[in-house]
PDB file of all heavy atoms in Angstrom:
ATOM      1  N   GLY A   1     218.523  23.401  31.842  1.00  0.00           N
ATOM      2  CA  GLY A   1     219.285  22.705  30.791  1.00  0.00           C
ATOM      3  C   GLY A   1     219.628  23.793  29.751  1.00  0.00           C
ATOM      4  O   GLY A   1     218.892  24.717  29.558  1.00  0.00           O
ATOM      5  N   ARG A   2     220.685  23.522  29.065  1.00  0.00           N
ATOM      6  CA  ARG A   2     221.201  24.467  28.035  1.00  0.00           C
ATOM      7  C   ARG A   2     221.664  23.667  26.837  1.00  0.00           C
ATOM      8  O   ARG A   2     222.248  22.687  26.839  1.00  0.00           O
ATOM      9  CB  ARG A   2     222.439  25.267  28.593  1.00  0.00           C
ATOM     10  CG  ARG A   2     222.151  26.096  29.841  1.00  0.00           C
ATOM     11  CD  ARG A   2     221.306  27.293  29.535  1.00  0.00           C
ATOM     12  NE  ARG A   2     221.058  28.217  30.603  1.00  0.00           N
ATOM     13  CZ  ARG A   2     220.020  28.175  31.397  1.00  0.00           C
ATOM     14  NH1 ARG A   2     219.069  27.330  31.205  1.00  0.00           N
ATOM     15  NH2 ARG A   2     219.804  29.044  32.350  1.00  0.00           N
ATOM     16  N   LEU A   3     221.464  24.295  25.599  1.00  0.00           N
ATOM     17  CA  LEU A   3     221.851  23.707  24.315  1.00  0.00           C
ATOM     18  C   LEU A   3     221.995  24.721  23.279  1.00  0.00           C
ATOM     19  O   LEU A   3     221.143  25.623  23.146  1.00  0.00           O
ATOM     20  CB  LEU A   3     220.801  22.623  23.804  1.00  0.00           C
ATOM     21  CG  LEU A   3     221.291  21.870  22.598  1.00  0.00           C
ATOM     22  CD1 LEU A   3     222.412  20.939  22.913  1.00  0.00           C
ATOM     23  CD2 LEU A   3     220.075  21.097  22.017  1.00  0.00           C
ATOM     24  N   VAL A   4     223.168  24.749  22.605  1.00  0.00           N
ATOM     25  CA  VAL A   4     223.377  25.696  21.451  1.00  0.00           C
ATOM     26  C   VAL A   4     223.358  24.797  20.183  1.00  0.00           C
ATOM     27  O   VAL A   4     223.968  23.840  20.186  1.00  0.00           O
ATOM     28  CB  VAL A   4     224.740  26.365  21.534  1.00  0.00           C
ATOM     29  CG1 VAL A   4     224.972  27.280  20.370  1.00  0.00           C
ATOM     30  CG2 VAL A   4     224.947  27.074  22.857  1.00  0.00           C
ATOM     31  N   VAL A   5     222.554  25.240  19.215  1.00  0.00           N
ATOM     32  CA  VAL A   5     222.475  24.564  17.925  1.00  0.00           C
ATOM     33  C   VAL A   5     223.226  25.455  16.959  1.00  0.00           C
ATOM     34  O   VAL A   5     222.890  26.642  16.797  1.00  0.00           O
ATOM     35  CB  VAL A   5     221.057  24.404  17.508  1.00  0.00           C
ATOM     36  CG1 VAL A   5     220.975  23.687  16.128  1.00  0.00           C
ATOM     37  CG2 VAL A   5     220.235  23.651  18.536  1.00  0.00           C
ATOM     38  N   THR A   6     224.269  24.889  16.279  1.00  0.00           N
ATOM     39  CA  THR A   6     225.076  25.594  15.291  1.00  0.00           C
ATOM     40  C   THR A   6     225.036  24.754  13.999  1.00  0.00           C
ATOM     41  O   THR A   6     224.600  23.688  13.900  1.00  0.00           O
ATOM     42  CB  THR A   6     226.475  25.796  15.786  1.00  0.00           C
ATOM     43  OG1 THR A   6     227.123  24.553  16.057  1.00  0.00           O
ATOM     44  CG2 THR A   6     226.519  26.675  17.081  1.00  0.00           C
ATOM     45  N   GLY A   7     225.659  25.492  13.030  1.00  0.00           N
ATOM     46  CA  GLY A   7     225.675  24.826  11.654  1.00  0.00           C
ATOM     47  C   GLY A   7     225.465  25.910  10.564  1.00  0.00           C
ATOM     48  O   GLY A   7     225.007  26.956  10.766  1.00  0.00           O
ATOM     49  N   PRO A   8     225.841  25.557   9.285  1.00  0.00           N
ATOM     50  CA  PRO A   8     225.691  26.472   8.193  1.00  0.00           C
ATOM     51  C   PRO A   8     224.224  26.717   7.871  1.00  0.00           C
ATOM     52  O   PRO A   8     223.343  26.031   8.365  1.00  0.00           O
ATOM     53  CB  PRO A   8     226.420  25.737   7.114  1.00  0.00           C
ATOM     54  CG  PRO A   8     226.337  24.376   7.392  1.00  0.00           C
ATOM     55  CD  PRO A   8     226.381  24.228   8.836  1.00  0.00           C
ATOM     56  N   ASN A   9     223.984  27.845   7.135  1.00  0.00           N
ATOM     57  CA  ASN A   9     222.657  28.095   6.611  1.00  0.00           C
ATOM     58  C   ASN A   9     222.096  26.900   5.825  1.00  0.00           C
ATOM     59  O   ASN A   9     222.858  26.300   5.047  1.00  0.00           O
ATOM     60  CB  ASN A   9     222.685  29.327   5.741  1.00  0.00           C
ATOM     61  CG  ASN A   9     222.791  30.632   6.540  1.00  0.00           C
ATOM     62  OD1 ASN A   9     222.463  30.699   7.697  1.00  0.00           O
ATOM     63  ND2 ASN A   9     223.356  31.661   5.949  1.00  0.00           N
ATOM     64  N   GLY A  10     220.917  26.582   6.100  1.00  0.00           N
ATOM     65  CA  GLY A  10     220.304  25.458   5.370  1.00  0.00           C
ATOM     66  C   GLY A  10     220.479  24.115   6.026  1.00  0.00           C
ATOM     67  O   GLY A  10     220.073  23.067   5.530  1.00  0.00           O
ATOM     68  N   ALA A  11     221.219  24.067   7.161  1.00  0.00           N
ATOM     69  CA  ALA A  11     221.503  22.786   7.804  1.00  0.00           C
ATOM     70  C   ALA A  11     220.284  22.246   8.585  1.00  0.00           C
ATOM     71  O   ALA A  11     220.279  21.126   8.919  1.00  0.00           O
ATOM     72  CB  ALA A  11     222.739  22.876   8.699  1.00  0.00           C
ATOM     73  N   GLY A  12     219.387  23.091   8.890  1.00  0.00           N
ATOM     74  CA  GLY A  12     218.119  22.680   9.589  1.00  0.00           C
ATOM     75  C   GLY A  12     217.978  23.166  10.953  1.00  0.00           C
ATOM     76  O   GLY A  12     217.225  22.615  11.730  1.00  0.00           O
ATOM     77  N   LYS A  13     218.646  24.288  11.332  1.00  0.00           N
ATOM     78  CA  LYS A  13     218.558  24.749  12.698  1.00  0.00           C
ATOM     79  C   LYS A  13     217.120  25.213  13.067  1.00  0.00           C
ATOM     80  O   LYS A  13     216.573  24.868  14.053  1.00  0.00           O
ATOM     81  CB  LYS A  13     219.588  25.941  12.853  1.00  0.00           C
ATOM     82  CG  LYS A  13     221.049  25.554  12.749  1.00  0.00           C
ATOM     83  CD  LYS A  13     222.020  26.617  13.024  1.00  0.00           C
ATOM     84  CE  LYS A  13     221.839  27.798  12.111  1.00  0.00           C
ATOM     85  NZ  LYS A  13     222.083  27.590  10.723  1.00  0.00           N
ATOM     86  N   SER A  14     216.532  25.994  12.187  1.00  0.00           N
ATOM     87  CA  SER A  14     215.205  26.527  12.362  1.00  0.00           C
ATOM     88  C   SER A  14     214.239  25.300  12.322  1.00  0.00           C
ATOM     89  O   SER A  14     213.202  25.258  13.132  1.00  0.00           O
ATOM     90  CB  SER A  14     214.819  27.586  11.343  1.00  0.00           C
ATOM     91  OG  SER A  14     215.583  28.745  11.541  1.00  0.00           O
ATOM     92  N   THR A  15     214.474  24.375  11.446  1.00  0.00           N
ATOM     93  CA  THR A  15     213.596  23.203  11.394  1.00  0.00           C
ATOM     94  C   THR A  15     213.590  22.490  12.697  1.00  0.00           C
ATOM     95  O   THR A  15     212.645  22.009  13.232  1.00  0.00           O
ATOM     96  CB  THR A  15     214.117  22.273  10.260  1.00  0.00           C
ATOM     97  OG1 THR A  15     213.984  22.899   9.009  1.00  0.00           O
ATOM     98  CG2 THR A  15     213.346  20.946  10.219  1.00  0.00           C
ATOM     99  N   LEU A  16     214.845  22.283  13.300  1.00  0.00           N
ATOM    100  CA  LEU A  16     214.922  21.570  14.514  1.00  0.00           C
ATOM    101  C   LEU A  16     214.132  22.313  15.653  1.00  0.00           C
ATOM    102  O   LEU A  16     213.420  21.669  16.487  1.00  0.00           O
ATOM    103  CB  LEU A  16     216.413  21.389  14.995  1.00  0.00           C
ATOM    104  CG  LEU A  16     216.624  20.723  16.280  1.00  0.00           C
ATOM    105  CD1 LEU A  16     216.106  19.270  16.366  1.00  0.00           C
ATOM    106  CD2 LEU A  16     218.203  20.641  16.573  1.00  0.00           C
ATOM    107  N   LEU A  17     214.267  23.570  15.720  1.00  0.00           N
ATOM    108  CA  LEU A  17     213.552  24.313  16.730  1.00  0.00           C
ATOM    109  C   LEU A  17     212.019  24.283  16.471  1.00  0.00           C
ATOM    110  O   LEU A  17     211.250  24.261  17.481  1.00  0.00           O
ATOM    111  CB  LEU A  17     213.979  25.822  16.782  1.00  0.00           C
ATOM    112  CG  LEU A  17     215.080  26.073  17.855  1.00  0.00           C
ATOM    113  CD1 LEU A  17     216.347  25.340  17.509  1.00  0.00           C
ATOM    114  CD2 LEU A  17     215.353  27.549  17.992  1.00  0.00           C
ATOM    115  N   ASN A  18     211.633  24.359  15.250  1.00  0.00           N
ATOM    116  CA  ASN A  18     210.165  24.155  14.994  1.00  0.00           C
ATOM    117  C   ASN A  18     209.648  22.751  15.379  1.00  0.00           C
ATOM    118  O   ASN A  18     208.537  22.656  15.939  1.00  0.00           O
ATOM    119  CB  ASN A  18     209.918  24.353  13.498  1.00  0.00           C
ATOM    120  CG  ASN A  18     209.685  25.777  13.130  1.00  0.00           C
ATOM    121  OD1 ASN A  18     208.595  26.352  13.301  1.00  0.00           O
ATOM    122  ND2 ASN A  18     210.688  26.429  12.576  1.00  0.00           N
ATOM    123  N   ILE A  19     210.440  21.765  15.226  1.00  0.00           N
ATOM    124  CA  ILE A  19     210.105  20.415  15.713  1.00  0.00           C
ATOM    125  C   ILE A  19     210.032  20.437  17.243  1.00  0.00           C
ATOM    126  O   ILE A  19     209.042  19.883  17.860  1.00  0.00           O
ATOM    127  CB  ILE A  19     211.120  19.309  15.218  1.00  0.00           C
ATOM    128  CG1 ILE A  19     211.049  19.166  13.739  1.00  0.00           C
ATOM    129  CG2 ILE A  19     210.904  18.025  15.978  1.00  0.00           C
ATOM    130  CD1 ILE A  19     212.154  18.379  13.117  1.00  0.00           C
ATOM    131  N   ALA A  20     211.000  20.961  17.938  1.00  0.00           N
ATOM    132  CA  ALA A  20     211.033  21.046  19.406  1.00  0.00           C
ATOM    133  C   ALA A  20     209.884  21.797  19.960  1.00  0.00           C
ATOM    134  O   ALA A  20     209.316  21.427  20.986  1.00  0.00           O
ATOM    135  CB  ALA A  20     212.383  21.704  19.834  1.00  0.00           C
ATOM    136  N   ALA A  21     209.357  22.775  19.208  1.00  0.00           N
ATOM    137  CA  ALA A  21     208.225  23.594  19.649  1.00  0.00           C
ATOM    138  C   ALA A  21     206.896  22.927  19.407  1.00  0.00           C
ATOM    139  O   ALA A  21     205.835  23.457  19.848  1.00  0.00           O
ATOM    140  CB  ALA A  21     208.248  24.942  18.979  1.00  0.00           C
ATOM    141  N   GLY A  22     207.002  21.808  18.641  1.00  0.00           N
ATOM    142  CA  GLY A  22     205.728  21.086  18.342  1.00  0.00           C
ATOM    143  C   GLY A  22     204.985  21.682  17.222  1.00  0.00           C
ATOM    144  O   GLY A  22     203.781  21.336  16.887  1.00  0.00           O
ATOM    145  N   GLU A  23     205.691  22.520  16.350  1.00  0.00           N
ATOM    146  CA  GLU A  23     204.995  23.138  15.257  1.00  0.00           C
ATOM    147  C   GLU A  23     205.258  22.489  13.920  1.00  0.00           C
ATOM    148  O   GLU A  23     204.640  22.799  12.892  1.00  0.00           O
ATOM    149  CB  GLU A  23     205.433  24.537  15.231  1.00  0.00           C
ATOM    150  CG  GLU A  23     204.960  25.432  16.442  1.00  0.00           C
ATOM    151  CD  GLU A  23     205.177  26.883  16.324  1.00  0.00           C
ATOM    152  OE1 GLU A  23     205.687  27.356  15.259  1.00  0.00           O
ATOM    153  OE2 GLU A  23     204.817  27.591  17.254  1.00  0.00           O
ATOM    154  N   LEU A  24     206.199  21.559  13.925  1.00  0.00           N
ATOM    155  CA  LEU A  24     206.483  20.706  12.716  1.00  0.00           C
ATOM    156  C   LEU A  24     206.625  19.294  13.156  1.00  0.00           C
ATOM    157  O   LEU A  24     207.304  18.957  14.092  1.00  0.00           O
ATOM    158  CB  LEU A  24     207.807  21.265  12.089  1.00  0.00           C
ATOM    159  CG  LEU A  24     208.332  20.536  10.894  1.00  0.00           C
ATOM    160  CD1 LEU A  24     207.387  20.664   9.718  1.00  0.00           C
ATOM    161  CD2 LEU A  24     209.721  21.025  10.521  1.00  0.00           C
ATOM    162  N   HIS A  25     206.052  18.427  12.397  1.00  0.00           N
ATOM    163  CA  HIS A  25     206.052  17.011  12.708  1.00  0.00           C
ATOM    164  C   HIS A  25     207.246  16.372  11.956  1.00  0.00           C
ATOM    165  O   HIS A  25     207.281  16.466  10.689  1.00  0.00           O
ATOM    166  CB  HIS A  25     204.776  16.254  12.265  1.00  0.00           C
ATOM    167  CG  HIS A  25     204.678  14.844  12.716  1.00  0.00           C
ATOM    168  ND1 HIS A  25     204.415  14.509  14.051  1.00  0.00           N
ATOM    169  CD2 HIS A  25     204.827  13.669  12.063  1.00  0.00           C
ATOM    170  CE1 HIS A  25     204.474  13.240  14.227  1.00  0.00           C
ATOM    171  NE2 HIS A  25     204.697  12.690  13.018  1.00  0.00           N
ATOM    172  N   PRO A  26     208.204  15.728  12.593  1.00  0.00           N
ATOM    173  CA  PRO A  26     209.372  15.082  11.945  1.00  0.00           C
ATOM    174  C   PRO A  26     208.982  13.899  11.141  1.00  0.00           C
ATOM    175  O   PRO A  26     208.006  13.175  11.416  1.00  0.00           O
ATOM    176  CB  PRO A  26     210.245  14.729  13.059  1.00  0.00           C
ATOM    177  CG  PRO A  26     209.399  14.469  14.273  1.00  0.00           C
ATOM    178  CD  PRO A  26     208.257  15.401  14.046  1.00  0.00           C
ATOM    179  N   ASP A  27     209.801  13.579  10.120  1.00  0.00           N
ATOM    180  CA  ASP A  27     209.541  12.281   9.332  1.00  0.00           C
ATOM    181  C   ASP A  27     210.045  11.092  10.156  1.00  0.00           C
ATOM    182  O   ASP A  27     209.501   9.985   9.953  1.00  0.00           O
ATOM    183  CB  ASP A  27     210.333  12.487   7.987  1.00  0.00           C
ATOM    184  CG  ASP A  27     209.763  13.481   7.086  1.00  0.00           C
ATOM    185  OD1 ASP A  27     208.488  13.620   7.099  1.00  0.00           O
ATOM    186  OD2 ASP A  27     210.505  14.129   6.361  1.00  0.00           O
ATOM    187  N   THR A  28     211.080  11.343  10.945  1.00  0.00           N
ATOM    188  CA  THR A  28     211.477  10.292  11.861  1.00  0.00           C
ATOM    189  C   THR A  28     211.578  10.792  13.220  1.00  0.00           C
ATOM    190  O   THR A  28     211.770  12.018  13.438  1.00  0.00           O
ATOM    191  CB  THR A  28     212.843   9.655  11.540  1.00  0.00           C
ATOM    192  OG1 THR A  28     213.913  10.705  11.728  1.00  0.00           O
ATOM    193  CG2 THR A  28     212.899   9.245  10.045  1.00  0.00           C
ATOM    194  N   GLY A  29     211.480   9.898  14.251  1.00  0.00           N
ATOM    195  CA  GLY A  29     211.621  10.307  15.667  1.00  0.00           C
ATOM    196  C   GLY A  29     210.433  10.985  16.240  1.00  0.00           C
ATOM    197  O   GLY A  29     209.357  11.011  15.659  1.00  0.00           O
ATOM    198  N   SER A  30     210.638  11.495  17.476  1.00  0.00           N
ATOM    199  CA  SER A  30     209.495  12.054  18.199  1.00  0.00           C
ATOM    200  C   SER A  30     209.999  13.097  19.258  1.00  0.00           C
ATOM    201  O   SER A  30     211.245  13.227  19.499  1.00  0.00           O
ATOM    202  CB  SER A  30     208.770  10.963  18.895  1.00  0.00           C
ATOM    203  OG  SER A  30     209.601  10.375  19.900  1.00  0.00           O
ATOM    204  N   THR A  31     209.046  13.863  19.715  1.00  0.00           N
ATOM    205  CA  THR A  31     209.409  14.828  20.804  1.00  0.00           C
ATOM    206  C   THR A  31     208.342  14.572  21.959  1.00  0.00           C
ATOM    207  O   THR A  31     207.260  14.247  21.700  1.00  0.00           O
ATOM    208  CB  THR A  31     209.307  16.278  20.374  1.00  0.00           C
ATOM    209  OG1 THR A  31     207.947  16.605  20.006  1.00  0.00           O
ATOM    210  CG2 THR A  31     210.256  16.555  19.235  1.00  0.00           C
ATOM    211  N   ARG A  32     208.783  14.899  23.183  1.00  0.00           N
ATOM    212  CA  ARG A  32     207.896  14.740  24.298  1.00  0.00           C
ATOM    213  C   ARG A  32     208.132  15.904  25.345  1.00  0.00           C
ATOM    214  O   ARG A  32     209.255  16.261  25.507  1.00  0.00           O
ATOM    215  CB  ARG A  32     208.173  13.431  25.084  1.00  0.00           C
ATOM    216  CG  ARG A  32     207.813  12.203  24.286  1.00  0.00           C
ATOM    217  CD  ARG A  32     207.901  10.970  25.103  1.00  0.00           C
ATOM    218  NE  ARG A  32     209.234  10.730  25.637  1.00  0.00           N
ATOM    219  CZ  ARG A  32     210.197  10.144  24.902  1.00  0.00           C
ATOM    220  NH1 ARG A  32     210.026   9.823  23.636  1.00  0.00           N
ATOM    221  NH2 ARG A  32     211.415  10.016  25.428  1.00  0.00           N
ATOM    222  N   THR A  33     207.077  16.415  25.824  1.00  0.00           N
ATOM    223  CA  THR A  33     207.093  17.424  26.967  1.00  0.00           C
ATOM    224  C   THR A  33     205.996  16.999  27.929  1.00  0.00           C
ATOM    225  O   THR A  33     204.918  16.624  27.529  1.00  0.00           O
ATOM    226  CB  THR A  33     206.879  18.835  26.475  1.00  0.00           C
ATOM    227  OG1 THR A  33     205.634  18.945  25.731  1.00  0.00           O
ATOM    228  CG2 THR A  33     207.944  19.290  25.505  1.00  0.00           C
TER     229      THR A  33
END
């Protein structure tokens, strides 16, 4: 699988990757591996 995350600085790209890695708990939603 492939995915590119784009957007301006401050849009939350690093935040999204931290959530995906399981290192940050989101306020809404969930992740599963």
